[in-house]
Amino acid sequence: MVAKALPPFQCSYRGSLLAGVDEVGRGPLIGAVVTAAVILDPVRPIPGLADSKKLTEKKRLRLYDDILENAAAWSLGRCEASEIDELNIYQATMLAMKRAVEGLSIAPEYVLVDGNRCPKWRWPSEPVIKGDSRVEAISAASILAKVTRDREMEALDVRFPGFGLAQHKGYPTPVHLEALNRLGVTPEHRRSFRPVKMALDAVGVYGGSSASVQELNYPADLFENID
């Protein structure tokens, strides 16, 4: 069944200091949840903005550079795995969004947040269902957050070989779960998440020894459509 397209979003705010906010990384078993806030410059439009998940990597990287160069202001926020374990993933995501907006070099007058709720903060705001495909500022935020987190997963893949993090970006794929239960739990895994807790109880912490780590060859299309 094809999902019904939502109508264009109509925002009551008509000024130019509108920030869009989005997050990436609530579902993975490892690493931070990353958020971004973007205020676009109406004088310097950025063609092609769309939901980051629907863009090819090549287009996403090009738009990432365009956003950094042409946005009126942008900022990244995050909550690390240890904070997620302490707060829970929902509260950590809300905090990371707040950090992103607080980091903007220009104070927004209004904030639109992808999803169905906003953090408790001082800025006038409203949530937008599927906002990353309906509001350009949220689309821009989704691109910054995704490219940033994807690069972090590539760096973690170098630190912790054998998990396939550069491919599945930390999501609980069969490949990741198998590696977790074979290699153990790294310091960057979210220990409050059930698969990680189970692996910690069964296998323990990651040792990184050459005897237990092996390079795996994955089919090229194995990780398609993973956010």
N, C-alpha and C. Protein backbone atom coordinates (compact mmCIF):
# COMPACT_ATOMS: atom_id res chain seq x y z
N MET A 1 0.85 -1.19 0.00
CA MET A 1 0.00 0.00 0.00
C MET A 1 0.88 1.24 0.00
N VAL A 2 0.64 2.15 -0.93
CA VAL A 2 1.43 3.37 -1.03
C VAL A 2 0.91 4.40 -0.03
N ALA A 3 1.84 4.97 0.75
CA ALA A 3 1.44 5.98 1.73
C ALA A 3 0.93 7.23 1.03
N LYS A 4 -0.12 7.80 1.57
CA LYS A 4 -0.69 9.01 1.00
C LYS A 4 0.22 10.20 1.28
N ALA A 5 0.51 10.98 0.24
CA ALA A 5 1.37 12.14 0.41
C ALA A 5 0.68 13.19 1.26
N LEU A 6 1.44 13.80 2.15
CA LEU A 6 0.90 14.86 2.99
C LEU A 6 0.86 16.17 2.21
N PRO A 7 -0.07 17.04 2.54
CA PRO A 7 -0.16 18.32 1.82
C PRO A 7 1.02 19.22 2.17
N PRO A 8 1.30 20.21 1.33
CA PRO A 8 2.37 21.18 1.67
C PRO A 8 2.10 21.80 3.03
N PHE A 9 3.16 22.01 3.78
CA PHE A 9 3.00 22.56 5.13
C PHE A 9 2.80 24.06 5.07
N GLN A 10 1.80 24.54 5.79
CA GLN A 10 1.51 25.96 5.87
C GLN A 10 1.90 26.46 7.26
N CYS A 11 2.89 27.32 7.31
CA CYS A 11 3.37 27.84 8.59
C CYS A 11 2.80 29.23 8.84
N SER A 12 2.34 29.47 10.06
CA SER A 12 1.78 30.77 10.39
C SER A 12 2.85 31.85 10.49
N TYR A 13 4.08 31.44 10.78
CA TYR A 13 5.18 32.41 10.87
C TYR A 13 5.61 32.82 9.47
N ARG A 14 5.73 34.12 9.22
CA ARG A 14 6.06 34.62 7.89
C ARG A 14 7.39 35.36 7.83
N GLY A 15 8.15 35.34 8.91
CA GLY A 15 9.43 36.04 8.91
C GLY A 15 10.53 35.22 8.28
N SER A 16 11.76 35.73 8.37
CA SER A 16 12.90 35.07 7.75
C SER A 16 13.77 34.30 8.74
N LEU A 17 13.52 34.45 10.03
CA LEU A 17 14.35 33.79 11.04
C LEU A 17 13.68 32.50 11.52
N LEU A 18 13.43 31.63 10.56
CA LEU A 18 12.79 30.33 10.81
C LEU A 18 13.86 29.25 10.84
N ALA A 19 13.93 28.51 11.92
CA ALA A 19 14.89 27.40 12.02
C ALA A 19 14.17 26.08 11.82
N GLY A 20 14.80 25.20 11.05
CA GLY A 20 14.33 23.83 10.91
C GLY A 20 15.24 22.91 11.70
N VAL A 21 14.66 21.91 12.36
CA VAL A 21 15.43 21.01 13.21
C VAL A 21 15.09 19.56 12.88
N ASP A 22 16.11 18.73 12.82
CA ASP A 22 15.89 17.29 12.60
C ASP A 22 16.98 16.51 13.31
N GLU A 23 16.75 15.21 13.44
CA GLU A 23 17.70 14.33 14.12
C GLU A 23 18.00 13.12 13.26
N VAL A 24 19.12 12.49 13.55
CA VAL A 24 19.48 11.21 12.95
C VAL A 24 20.10 10.36 14.04
N GLY A 25 19.69 9.10 14.11
CA GLY A 25 20.38 8.18 15.00
C GLY A 25 19.64 7.78 16.25
N ARG A 26 18.32 7.79 16.23
CA ARG A 26 17.60 7.28 17.40
C ARG A 26 17.63 5.76 17.47
N GLY A 27 17.61 5.11 16.32
CA GLY A 27 17.49 3.66 16.29
C GLY A 27 18.76 2.85 16.42
N PRO A 28 19.93 3.39 16.09
CA PRO A 28 21.16 2.59 16.15
C PRO A 28 21.50 2.12 17.56
N LEU A 29 22.36 1.13 17.61
CA LEU A 29 22.81 0.56 18.87
C LEU A 29 24.10 1.20 19.37
N ILE A 30 24.67 2.08 18.58
CA ILE A 30 25.99 2.62 18.90
C ILE A 30 26.08 4.09 18.50
N GLY A 31 26.86 4.84 19.24
CA GLY A 31 27.14 6.22 18.88
C GLY A 31 26.10 7.21 19.36
N ALA A 32 26.35 8.46 19.01
CA ALA A 32 25.50 9.57 19.44
C ALA A 32 24.24 9.67 18.59
N VAL A 33 23.23 10.32 19.16
CA VAL A 33 22.12 10.84 18.35
C VAL A 33 22.53 12.26 17.96
N VAL A 34 22.46 12.55 16.68
CA VAL A 34 22.96 13.83 16.14
C VAL A 34 21.78 14.65 15.62
N THR A 35 21.78 15.92 15.95
CA THR A 35 20.73 16.82 15.50
C THR A 35 21.35 18.01 14.78
N ALA A 36 20.52 18.70 14.01
CA ALA A 36 20.98 19.91 13.33
C ALA A 36 19.84 20.92 13.33
N ALA A 37 20.22 22.19 13.36
CA ALA A 37 19.28 23.29 13.22
C ALA A 37 19.80 24.19 12.11
N VAL A 38 18.92 24.61 11.22
CA VAL A 38 19.32 25.42 10.06
C VAL A 38 18.34 26.57 9.87
N ILE A 39 18.89 27.77 9.67
CA ILE A 39 18.11 28.92 9.22
C ILE A 39 18.57 29.22 7.80
N LEU A 40 17.68 29.08 6.84
CA LEU A 40 18.04 29.33 5.45
C LEU A 40 18.01 30.83 5.15
N ASP A 41 18.81 31.21 4.17
CA ASP A 41 18.87 32.61 3.72
C ASP A 41 18.01 32.75 2.47
N PRO A 42 16.91 33.51 2.52
CA PRO A 42 16.05 33.63 1.34
C PRO A 42 16.75 34.27 0.15
N VAL A 43 17.83 34.99 0.39
CA VAL A 43 18.57 35.62 -0.70
C VAL A 43 19.47 34.60 -1.41
N ARG A 44 19.79 33.51 -0.72
CA ARG A 44 20.66 32.48 -1.30
C ARG A 44 19.97 31.12 -1.21
N PRO A 45 18.98 30.89 -2.06
CA PRO A 45 18.24 29.62 -2.03
C PRO A 45 19.14 28.45 -2.41
N ILE A 46 18.77 27.28 -1.92
CA ILE A 46 19.54 26.05 -2.17
C ILE A 46 18.63 25.08 -2.92
N PRO A 47 18.77 24.96 -4.23
CA PRO A 47 17.91 24.05 -5.00
C PRO A 47 18.18 22.59 -4.63
N GLY A 48 17.11 21.79 -4.65
CA GLY A 48 17.26 20.35 -4.48
C GLY A 48 17.11 19.84 -3.08
N LEU A 49 16.79 20.69 -2.11
CA LEU A 49 16.63 20.22 -0.73
C LEU A 49 15.49 19.22 -0.64
N ALA A 50 15.74 18.12 0.06
CA ALA A 50 14.75 17.07 0.22
C ALA A 50 15.13 16.23 1.43
N ASP A 51 14.25 15.33 1.80
CA ASP A 51 14.53 14.40 2.89
C ASP A 51 15.85 13.68 2.60
N SER A 52 16.77 13.73 3.56
CA SER A 52 18.11 13.17 3.34
C SER A 52 18.07 11.69 2.98
N LYS A 53 17.07 10.97 3.49
CA LYS A 53 16.99 9.53 3.23
C LYS A 53 16.63 9.23 1.78
N LYS A 54 16.04 10.21 1.09
CA LYS A 54 15.60 10.01 -0.29
C LYS A 54 16.62 10.49 -1.31
N LEU A 55 17.75 10.99 -0.84
CA LEU A 55 18.79 11.50 -1.73
C LEU A 55 19.88 10.46 -1.91
N THR A 56 20.51 10.46 -3.08
CA THR A 56 21.69 9.65 -3.25
C THR A 56 22.82 10.24 -2.40
N GLU A 57 23.81 9.44 -2.10
CA GLU A 57 24.92 9.95 -1.30
C GLU A 57 25.61 11.12 -2.00
N LYS A 58 25.76 11.03 -3.31
CA LYS A 58 26.42 12.09 -4.07
C LYS A 58 25.65 13.41 -3.93
N LYS A 59 24.33 13.36 -4.09
CA LYS A 59 23.52 14.57 -3.97
C LYS A 59 23.53 15.09 -2.53
N ARG A 60 23.49 14.16 -1.58
CA ARG A 60 23.48 14.56 -0.17
C ARG A 60 24.76 15.30 0.19
N LEU A 61 25.89 14.81 -0.27
CA LEU A 61 27.16 15.46 0.03
C LEU A 61 27.27 16.82 -0.65
N ARG A 62 26.75 16.93 -1.87
CA ARG A 62 26.77 18.22 -2.55
C ARG A 62 25.91 19.24 -1.81
N LEU A 63 24.73 18.80 -1.39
CA LEU A 63 23.84 19.70 -0.65
C LEU A 63 24.41 20.05 0.71
N TYR A 64 25.10 19.12 1.33
CA TYR A 64 25.76 19.39 2.61
C TYR A 64 26.69 20.60 2.48
N ASP A 65 27.52 20.58 1.45
CA ASP A 65 28.44 21.71 1.22
C ASP A 65 27.67 22.99 0.90
N ASP A 66 26.60 22.87 0.11
CA ASP A 66 25.80 24.05 -0.25
C ASP A 66 25.17 24.68 0.99
N ILE A 67 24.70 23.83 1.91
CA ILE A 67 24.06 24.34 3.13
C ILE A 67 25.08 25.07 3.99
N LEU A 68 26.24 24.48 4.18
CA LEU A 68 27.28 25.14 4.99
C LEU A 68 27.66 26.49 4.41
N GLU A 69 27.67 26.58 3.10
CA GLU A 69 28.11 27.81 2.43
C GLU A 69 27.01 28.87 2.37
N ASN A 70 25.76 28.45 2.21
CA ASN A 70 24.71 29.41 1.88
C ASN A 70 23.66 29.64 2.96
N ALA A 71 23.58 28.80 3.96
CA ALA A 71 22.59 29.01 5.02
C ALA A 71 22.94 30.26 5.82
N ALA A 72 21.91 30.92 6.33
CA ALA A 72 22.15 32.09 7.18
C ALA A 72 22.82 31.67 8.49
N ALA A 73 22.44 30.50 9.00
CA ALA A 73 23.04 29.96 10.22
C ALA A 73 22.76 28.47 10.28
N TRP A 74 23.69 27.74 10.88
CA TRP A 74 23.48 26.31 11.10
C TRP A 74 24.24 25.89 12.35
N SER A 75 23.78 24.81 12.95
CA SER A 75 24.41 24.33 14.17
C SER A 75 24.10 22.85 14.33
N LEU A 76 25.04 22.13 14.93
CA LEU A 76 24.85 20.72 15.23
C LEU A 76 24.71 20.53 16.74
N GLY A 77 23.89 19.56 17.12
CA GLY A 77 23.76 19.17 18.52
C GLY A 77 23.91 17.66 18.62
N ARG A 78 24.11 17.16 19.82
CA ARG A 78 24.31 15.72 19.97
C ARG A 78 24.12 15.31 21.42
N CYS A 79 23.83 14.05 21.60
CA CYS A 79 23.92 13.40 22.90
C CYS A 79 24.66 12.09 22.70
N GLU A 80 25.68 11.88 23.50
CA GLU A 80 26.51 10.70 23.36
C GLU A 80 25.80 9.46 23.90
N ALA A 81 26.38 8.31 23.61
CA ALA A 81 25.78 7.05 24.05
C ALA A 81 25.60 7.01 25.56
N SER A 82 26.57 7.54 26.30
CA SER A 82 26.46 7.53 27.76
C SER A 82 25.29 8.38 28.24
N GLU A 83 25.03 9.50 27.55
CA GLU A 83 23.88 10.34 27.91
C GLU A 83 22.57 9.65 27.55
N ILE A 84 22.56 8.96 26.42
CA ILE A 84 21.37 8.20 26.02
C ILE A 84 21.05 7.15 27.08
N ASP A 85 22.08 6.46 27.56
CA ASP A 85 21.87 5.43 28.59
C ASP A 85 21.34 6.04 29.88
N GLU A 86 21.78 7.25 30.18
CA GLU A 86 21.37 7.90 31.42
C GLU A 86 19.96 8.48 31.32
N LEU A 87 19.64 9.08 30.16
CA LEU A 87 18.39 9.83 30.03
C LEU A 87 17.25 9.03 29.41
N ASN A 88 17.54 8.14 28.49
CA ASN A 88 16.71 7.40 27.55
C ASN A 88 16.77 8.12 26.20
N ILE A 89 16.49 7.40 25.13
CA ILE A 89 16.72 7.94 23.80
C ILE A 89 15.79 9.11 23.48
N TYR A 90 14.57 9.09 23.99
CA TYR A 90 13.65 10.20 23.73
C TYR A 90 14.16 11.50 24.36
N GLN A 91 14.46 11.44 25.65
CA GLN A 91 14.93 12.64 26.34
C GLN A 91 16.28 13.12 25.77
N ALA A 92 17.13 12.18 25.39
CA ALA A 92 18.42 12.56 24.81
C ALA A 92 18.23 13.26 23.47
N THR A 93 17.27 12.80 22.68
CA THR A 93 16.99 13.44 21.39
C THR A 93 16.48 14.86 21.60
N MET A 94 15.58 15.04 22.55
CA MET A 94 15.07 16.38 22.84
C MET A 94 16.19 17.31 23.29
N LEU A 95 17.10 16.80 24.13
CA LEU A 95 18.22 17.61 24.60
C LEU A 95 19.16 17.96 23.46
N ALA A 96 19.42 17.00 22.58
CA ALA A 96 20.30 17.26 21.44
C ALA A 96 19.70 18.31 20.51
N MET A 97 18.39 18.28 20.33
CA MET A 97 17.73 19.31 19.51
C MET A 97 17.89 20.69 20.16
N LYS A 98 17.70 20.74 21.46
CA LYS A 98 17.86 22.02 22.17
C LYS A 98 19.28 22.54 22.02
N ARG A 99 20.26 21.67 22.11
CA ARG A 99 21.65 22.08 21.95
C ARG A 99 21.91 22.63 20.55
N ALA A 100 21.29 22.02 19.55
CA ALA A 100 21.48 22.49 18.18
C ALA A 100 20.94 23.91 18.01
N VAL A 101 19.75 24.16 18.52
CA VAL A 101 19.15 25.50 18.37
C VAL A 101 19.94 26.52 19.19
N GLU A 102 20.36 26.13 20.38
CA GLU A 102 21.16 27.04 21.21
C GLU A 102 22.47 27.43 20.52
N GLY A 103 22.98 26.56 19.67
CA GLY A 103 24.25 26.82 19.01
C GLY A 103 24.17 27.70 17.78
N LEU A 104 22.97 28.06 17.35
CA LEU A 104 22.84 28.91 16.16
C LEU A 104 23.44 30.29 16.42
N SER A 105 24.15 30.81 15.43
CA SER A 105 24.77 32.13 15.57
C SER A 105 23.74 33.25 15.44
N ILE A 106 22.57 32.94 14.91
CA ILE A 106 21.45 33.88 14.81
C ILE A 106 20.29 33.28 15.58
N ALA A 107 19.72 34.05 16.49
CA ALA A 107 18.60 33.53 17.28
C ALA A 107 17.35 33.40 16.40
N PRO A 108 16.74 32.24 16.36
CA PRO A 108 15.52 32.09 15.54
C PRO A 108 14.32 32.74 16.22
N GLU A 109 13.39 33.18 15.41
CA GLU A 109 12.12 33.69 15.94
C GLU A 109 11.08 32.59 16.02
N TYR A 110 11.28 31.53 15.23
CA TYR A 110 10.33 30.42 15.21
C TYR A 110 11.08 29.17 14.80
N VAL A 111 10.66 28.02 15.35
CA VAL A 111 11.36 26.76 15.08
C VAL A 111 10.35 25.70 14.65
N LEU A 112 10.66 25.02 13.56
CA LEU A 112 9.88 23.88 13.10
C LEU A 112 10.71 22.61 13.30
N VAL A 113 10.10 21.61 13.93
CA VAL A 113 10.80 20.38 14.30
C VAL A 113 10.18 19.21 13.56
N ASP A 114 11.01 18.40 12.95
CA ASP A 114 10.50 17.20 12.29
C ASP A 114 9.93 16.23 13.32
N GLY A 115 8.74 15.71 13.04
CA GLY A 115 8.14 14.74 13.96
C GLY A 115 6.82 15.21 14.51
N ASN A 116 6.46 14.68 15.67
CA ASN A 116 5.15 14.98 16.24
C ASN A 116 5.20 15.71 17.57
N ARG A 117 6.39 16.15 17.99
CA ARG A 117 6.47 16.94 19.22
C ARG A 117 7.76 17.75 19.26
N CYS A 118 7.73 18.79 20.06
CA CYS A 118 8.89 19.67 20.21
C CYS A 118 9.46 19.53 21.62
N PRO A 119 10.74 19.81 21.77
CA PRO A 119 11.30 19.87 23.13
C PRO A 119 10.65 21.00 23.93
N LYS A 120 10.80 20.94 25.22
CA LYS A 120 10.37 22.03 26.08
C LYS A 120 11.49 23.06 26.11
N TRP A 121 11.27 24.16 25.40
CA TRP A 121 12.30 25.19 25.29
C TRP A 121 11.65 26.56 25.17
N ARG A 122 12.46 27.59 25.03
CA ARG A 122 11.93 28.96 25.09
C ARG A 122 11.47 29.50 23.75
N TRP A 123 11.76 28.80 22.66
CA TRP A 123 11.43 29.34 21.34
C TRP A 123 10.01 28.95 20.91
N PRO A 124 9.27 29.87 20.31
CA PRO A 124 7.99 29.48 19.70
C PRO A 124 8.25 28.42 18.64
N SER A 125 7.46 27.37 18.64
CA SER A 125 7.78 26.25 17.74
C SER A 125 6.56 25.38 17.52
N GLU A 126 6.68 24.52 16.53
CA GLU A 126 5.66 23.50 16.29
C GLU A 126 6.28 22.32 15.57
N PRO A 127 5.74 21.12 15.81
CA PRO A 127 6.24 19.94 15.10
C PRO A 127 5.59 19.82 13.73
N VAL A 128 6.28 19.15 12.83
CA VAL A 128 5.77 18.95 11.47
C VAL A 128 5.96 17.48 11.11
N ILE A 129 4.87 16.76 10.96
CA ILE A 129 4.94 15.37 10.54
C ILE A 129 5.56 15.29 9.14
N LYS A 130 6.55 14.42 8.97
CA LYS A 130 7.27 14.30 7.70
C LYS A 130 7.85 15.64 7.26
N GLY A 131 8.28 16.41 8.24
CA GLY A 131 8.78 17.75 7.94
C GLY A 131 10.01 17.76 7.06
N ASP A 132 10.80 16.67 7.09
CA ASP A 132 12.02 16.65 6.28
C ASP A 132 11.72 16.60 4.79
N SER A 133 10.48 16.31 4.42
CA SER A 133 10.10 16.35 3.01
C SER A 133 9.09 17.46 2.71
N ARG A 134 8.74 18.28 3.72
CA ARG A 134 7.73 19.32 3.53
C ARG A 134 8.24 20.73 3.83
N VAL A 135 9.35 20.83 4.55
CA VAL A 135 9.89 22.13 4.95
C VAL A 135 11.37 22.16 4.59
N GLU A 136 11.78 23.11 3.77
CA GLU A 136 13.16 23.13 3.28
C GLU A 136 14.18 23.26 4.41
N ALA A 137 13.88 24.06 5.42
CA ALA A 137 14.84 24.23 6.52
C ALA A 137 15.03 22.92 7.28
N ILE A 138 13.96 22.13 7.42
CA ILE A 138 14.08 20.83 8.07
C ILE A 138 14.84 19.86 7.17
N SER A 139 14.58 19.92 5.86
CA SER A 139 15.34 19.09 4.92
C SER A 139 16.83 19.37 5.05
N ALA A 140 17.18 20.65 5.12
CA ALA A 140 18.59 21.01 5.26
C ALA A 140 19.17 20.47 6.56
N ALA A 141 18.39 20.56 7.64
CA ALA A 141 18.86 20.02 8.92
C ALA A 141 19.05 18.52 8.85
N SER A 142 18.15 17.83 8.17
CA SER A 142 18.27 16.37 8.06
C SER A 142 19.53 15.98 7.31
N ILE A 143 19.89 16.76 6.30
CA ILE A 143 21.09 16.47 5.51
C ILE A 143 22.34 16.68 6.36
N LEU A 144 22.42 17.80 7.08
CA LEU A 144 23.59 18.04 7.93
C LEU A 144 23.74 16.96 8.99
N ALA A 145 22.63 16.59 9.62
CA ALA A 145 22.70 15.59 10.68
C ALA A 145 23.11 14.23 10.14
N LYS A 146 22.55 13.84 9.00
CA LYS A 146 22.86 12.51 8.46
C LYS A 146 24.30 12.41 7.98
N VAL A 147 24.77 13.40 7.24
CA VAL A 147 26.15 13.35 6.76
C VAL A 147 27.12 13.33 7.94
N THR A 148 26.83 14.14 8.95
CA THR A 148 27.70 14.18 10.13
C THR A 148 27.75 12.84 10.82
N ARG A 149 26.59 12.24 11.06
CA ARG A 149 26.58 10.97 11.78
C ARG A 149 27.16 9.83 10.93
N ASP A 150 26.88 9.83 9.64
CA ASP A 150 27.46 8.80 8.78
C ASP A 150 28.98 8.84 8.83
N ARG A 151 29.55 10.04 8.83
CA ARG A 151 31.00 10.17 8.90
C ARG A 151 31.53 9.68 10.24
N GLU A 152 30.77 9.92 11.29
CA GLU A 152 31.19 9.42 12.60
C GLU A 152 31.18 7.89 12.63
N MET A 153 30.21 7.29 11.98
CA MET A 153 30.17 5.83 11.92
C MET A 153 31.35 5.27 11.12
N GLU A 154 31.74 5.99 10.08
CA GLU A 154 32.91 5.56 9.30
C GLU A 154 34.18 5.63 10.16
N ALA A 155 34.27 6.66 11.00
CA ALA A 155 35.42 6.76 11.90
C ALA A 155 35.39 5.66 12.96
N LEU A 156 34.20 5.34 13.49
CA LEU A 156 34.10 4.26 14.46
C LEU A 156 34.42 2.91 13.83
N ASP A 157 34.13 2.77 12.55
CA ASP A 157 34.43 1.53 11.85
C ASP A 157 35.94 1.27 11.82
N VAL A 158 36.71 2.35 11.76
CA VAL A 158 38.17 2.22 11.81
C VAL A 158 38.62 1.84 13.21
N ARG A 159 38.01 2.46 14.22
CA ARG A 159 38.37 2.16 15.61
C ARG A 159 37.97 0.76 16.03
N PHE A 160 36.81 0.32 15.54
CA PHE A 160 36.27 -0.97 15.96
C PHE A 160 35.96 -1.82 14.73
N PRO A 161 36.98 -2.39 14.10
CA PRO A 161 36.74 -3.19 12.89
C PRO A 161 35.98 -4.47 13.21
N GLY A 162 35.26 -4.93 12.20
CA GLY A 162 34.55 -6.19 12.35
C GLY A 162 33.05 -6.06 12.53
N PHE A 163 32.57 -4.85 12.87
CA PHE A 163 31.14 -4.65 13.09
C PHE A 163 30.40 -4.21 11.82
N GLY A 164 31.12 -3.71 10.83
CA GLY A 164 30.48 -3.22 9.62
C GLY A 164 29.80 -1.87 9.79
N LEU A 165 30.29 -1.06 10.72
CA LEU A 165 29.61 0.20 11.05
C LEU A 165 29.54 1.17 9.89
N ALA A 166 30.54 1.17 9.03
CA ALA A 166 30.53 2.09 7.89
C ALA A 166 29.40 1.77 6.93
N GLN A 167 28.95 0.51 6.94
CA GLN A 167 27.88 0.11 6.02
C GLN A 167 26.49 0.31 6.63
N HIS A 168 26.26 -0.24 7.81
CA HIS A 168 24.90 -0.17 8.36
C HIS A 168 24.69 0.99 9.32
N LYS A 169 25.75 1.76 9.59
CA LYS A 169 25.67 2.98 10.40
C LYS A 169 25.18 2.74 11.82
N GLY A 170 25.38 1.52 12.31
CA GLY A 170 25.06 1.23 13.70
C GLY A 170 23.67 0.70 13.95
N TYR A 171 22.85 0.59 12.91
CA TYR A 171 21.49 0.08 13.09
C TYR A 171 21.53 -1.42 13.39
N PRO A 172 20.48 -1.95 14.02
CA PRO A 172 20.49 -3.36 14.45
C PRO A 172 20.21 -4.33 13.30
N THR A 173 21.06 -4.32 12.31
CA THR A 173 20.95 -5.27 11.20
C THR A 173 21.44 -6.64 11.66
N PRO A 174 21.10 -7.69 10.93
CA PRO A 174 21.64 -9.02 11.28
C PRO A 174 23.16 -9.04 11.35
N VAL A 175 23.82 -8.32 10.45
CA VAL A 175 25.28 -8.27 10.46
C VAL A 175 25.79 -7.65 11.76
N HIS A 176 25.18 -6.55 12.18
CA HIS A 176 25.60 -5.88 13.41
C HIS A 176 25.34 -6.76 14.63
N LEU A 177 24.17 -7.37 14.68
CA LEU A 177 23.82 -8.20 15.83
C LEU A 177 24.75 -9.41 15.94
N GLU A 178 25.08 -10.00 14.79
CA GLU A 178 25.99 -11.15 14.81
C GLU A 178 27.36 -10.74 15.32
N ALA A 179 27.85 -9.60 14.83
CA ALA A 179 29.17 -9.12 15.26
C ALA A 179 29.17 -8.76 16.74
N LEU A 180 28.09 -8.15 17.19
CA LEU A 180 27.97 -7.76 18.60
C LEU A 180 28.06 -8.99 19.50
N ASN A 181 27.41 -10.07 19.09
CA ASN A 181 27.40 -11.28 19.91
C ASN A 181 28.64 -12.15 19.69
N ARG A 182 29.48 -11.75 18.75
CA ARG A 182 30.75 -12.45 18.54
C ARG A 182 31.92 -11.67 19.13
N LEU A 183 31.88 -10.34 18.98
CA LEU A 183 33.02 -9.51 19.37
C LEU A 183 32.85 -8.84 20.73
N GLY A 184 31.61 -8.66 21.16
CA GLY A 184 31.38 -7.97 22.42
C GLY A 184 31.00 -6.50 22.22
N VAL A 185 30.86 -5.80 23.32
CA VAL A 185 30.31 -4.45 23.35
C VAL A 185 31.44 -3.42 23.44
N THR A 186 31.44 -2.45 22.53
CA THR A 186 32.46 -1.40 22.55
C THR A 186 32.05 -0.30 23.54
N PRO A 187 32.97 0.60 23.88
CA PRO A 187 32.60 1.72 24.76
C PRO A 187 31.57 2.66 24.15
N GLU A 188 31.40 2.62 22.82
CA GLU A 188 30.46 3.52 22.16
C GLU A 188 29.07 2.91 21.99
N HIS A 189 28.89 1.65 22.35
CA HIS A 189 27.56 1.05 22.25
C HIS A 189 26.64 1.57 23.35
N ARG A 190 25.35 1.60 23.05
CA ARG A 190 24.33 2.07 23.98
C ARG A 190 23.89 0.90 24.86
N ARG A 191 24.38 0.88 26.07
CA ARG A 191 24.19 -0.29 26.91
C ARG A 191 22.78 -0.43 27.46
N SER A 192 21.98 0.60 27.34
CA SER A 192 20.58 0.51 27.77
C SER A 192 19.70 -0.13 26.71
N PHE A 193 20.22 -0.31 25.50
CA PHE A 193 19.45 -0.94 24.42
C PHE A 193 19.54 -2.46 24.58
N ARG A 194 18.41 -3.13 24.47
CA ARG A 194 18.33 -4.55 24.82
C ARG A 194 19.36 -5.43 24.10
N PRO A 195 19.54 -5.33 22.77
CA PRO A 195 20.53 -6.21 22.14
C PRO A 195 21.95 -6.00 22.67
N VAL A 196 22.27 -4.77 23.04
CA VAL A 196 23.59 -4.48 23.58
C VAL A 196 23.72 -5.06 24.98
N LYS A 197 22.69 -4.87 25.79
CA LYS A 197 22.71 -5.41 27.15
C LYS A 197 22.83 -6.93 27.13
N MET A 198 22.11 -7.56 26.20
CA MET A 198 22.18 -9.02 26.10
C MET A 198 23.58 -9.48 25.68
N ALA A 199 24.19 -8.76 24.74
CA ALA A 199 25.53 -9.11 24.30
C ALA A 199 26.55 -8.88 25.41
N LEU A 200 26.35 -7.82 26.18
CA LEU A 200 27.26 -7.53 27.29
C LEU A 200 27.20 -8.65 28.32
N ASP A 201 26.00 -9.12 28.61
CA ASP A 201 25.84 -10.22 29.58
C ASP A 201 26.43 -11.52 29.05
N ALA A 202 26.27 -11.75 27.73
CA ALA A 202 26.68 -13.03 27.16
C ALA A 202 28.14 -13.08 26.76
N VAL A 203 28.66 -11.97 26.22
CA VAL A 203 30.00 -11.96 25.64
C VAL A 203 30.97 -11.06 26.40
N GLY A 204 30.46 -9.96 26.90
CA GLY A 204 31.32 -9.01 27.60
C GLY A 204 31.73 -7.86 26.69
N VAL A 205 32.83 -7.22 27.05
CA VAL A 205 33.27 -6.03 26.33
C VAL A 205 34.16 -6.41 25.16
N TYR A 206 34.20 -5.52 24.21
CA TYR A 206 35.00 -5.70 22.99
C TYR A 206 36.48 -5.66 23.32
N GLY A 207 37.21 -6.66 22.81
CA GLY A 207 38.64 -6.70 23.06
C GLY A 207 39.47 -6.22 21.89
N GLY A 208 38.93 -6.35 20.67
CA GLY A 208 39.64 -5.87 19.50
C GLY A 208 40.83 -6.71 19.10
N SER A 209 40.93 -7.94 19.61
CA SER A 209 42.07 -8.78 19.25
C SER A 209 41.94 -9.26 17.82
N SER A 210 43.06 -9.46 17.17
CA SER A 210 43.05 -9.89 15.77
C SER A 210 42.44 -11.27 15.61
N ALA A 211 42.44 -12.05 16.69
CA ALA A 211 41.89 -13.40 16.60
C ALA A 211 40.38 -13.38 16.46
N SER A 212 39.73 -12.36 17.05
CA SER A 212 38.27 -12.33 17.03
C SER A 212 37.71 -11.43 15.94
N VAL A 213 38.53 -10.52 15.42
CA VAL A 213 38.06 -9.58 14.42
C VAL A 213 38.40 -10.11 13.04
N GLN A 214 37.41 -10.13 12.17
CA GLN A 214 37.66 -10.55 10.81
C GLN A 214 36.99 -9.58 9.85
N GLU A 215 37.61 -9.36 8.71
CA GLU A 215 37.01 -8.51 7.70
C GLU A 215 35.90 -9.28 7.00
N LEU A 216 34.74 -8.67 6.88
CA LEU A 216 33.61 -9.31 6.26
C LEU A 216 33.32 -8.67 4.91
N ASN A 217 33.01 -9.46 3.92
CA ASN A 217 32.65 -8.96 2.61
C ASN A 217 31.14 -8.98 2.47
N TYR A 218 30.54 -7.79 2.36
CA TYR A 218 29.10 -7.68 2.30
C TYR A 218 28.63 -7.51 0.86
N PRO A 219 27.48 -8.06 0.50
CA PRO A 219 26.90 -7.77 -0.81
C PRO A 219 26.68 -6.27 -0.96
N ALA A 220 26.85 -5.75 -2.15
CA ALA A 220 26.80 -4.31 -2.38
C ALA A 220 25.46 -3.70 -1.99
N ASP A 221 24.36 -4.47 -2.12
CA ASP A 221 23.04 -3.91 -1.87
C ASP A 221 22.49 -4.27 -0.49
N LEU A 222 23.33 -4.82 0.38
CA LEU A 222 22.84 -5.32 1.66
C LEU A 222 22.29 -4.21 2.54
N PHE A 223 22.88 -3.02 2.45
CA PHE A 223 22.51 -1.95 3.36
C PHE A 223 21.74 -0.82 2.67
N GLU A 224 21.12 -1.10 1.55
CA GLU A 224 20.33 -0.08 0.87
C GLU A 224 19.15 0.34 1.73
N ASN A 225 18.83 1.63 1.64
CA ASN A 225 17.66 2.21 2.32
C ASN A 225 17.79 2.25 3.83
N ILE A 226 19.01 2.12 4.35
CA ILE A 226 19.22 2.30 5.78
C ILE A 226 19.53 3.76 6.03
N ASP A 227 18.80 4.39 6.95
CA ASP A 227 19.01 5.80 7.27
C ASP A 227 20.23 5.93 8.16
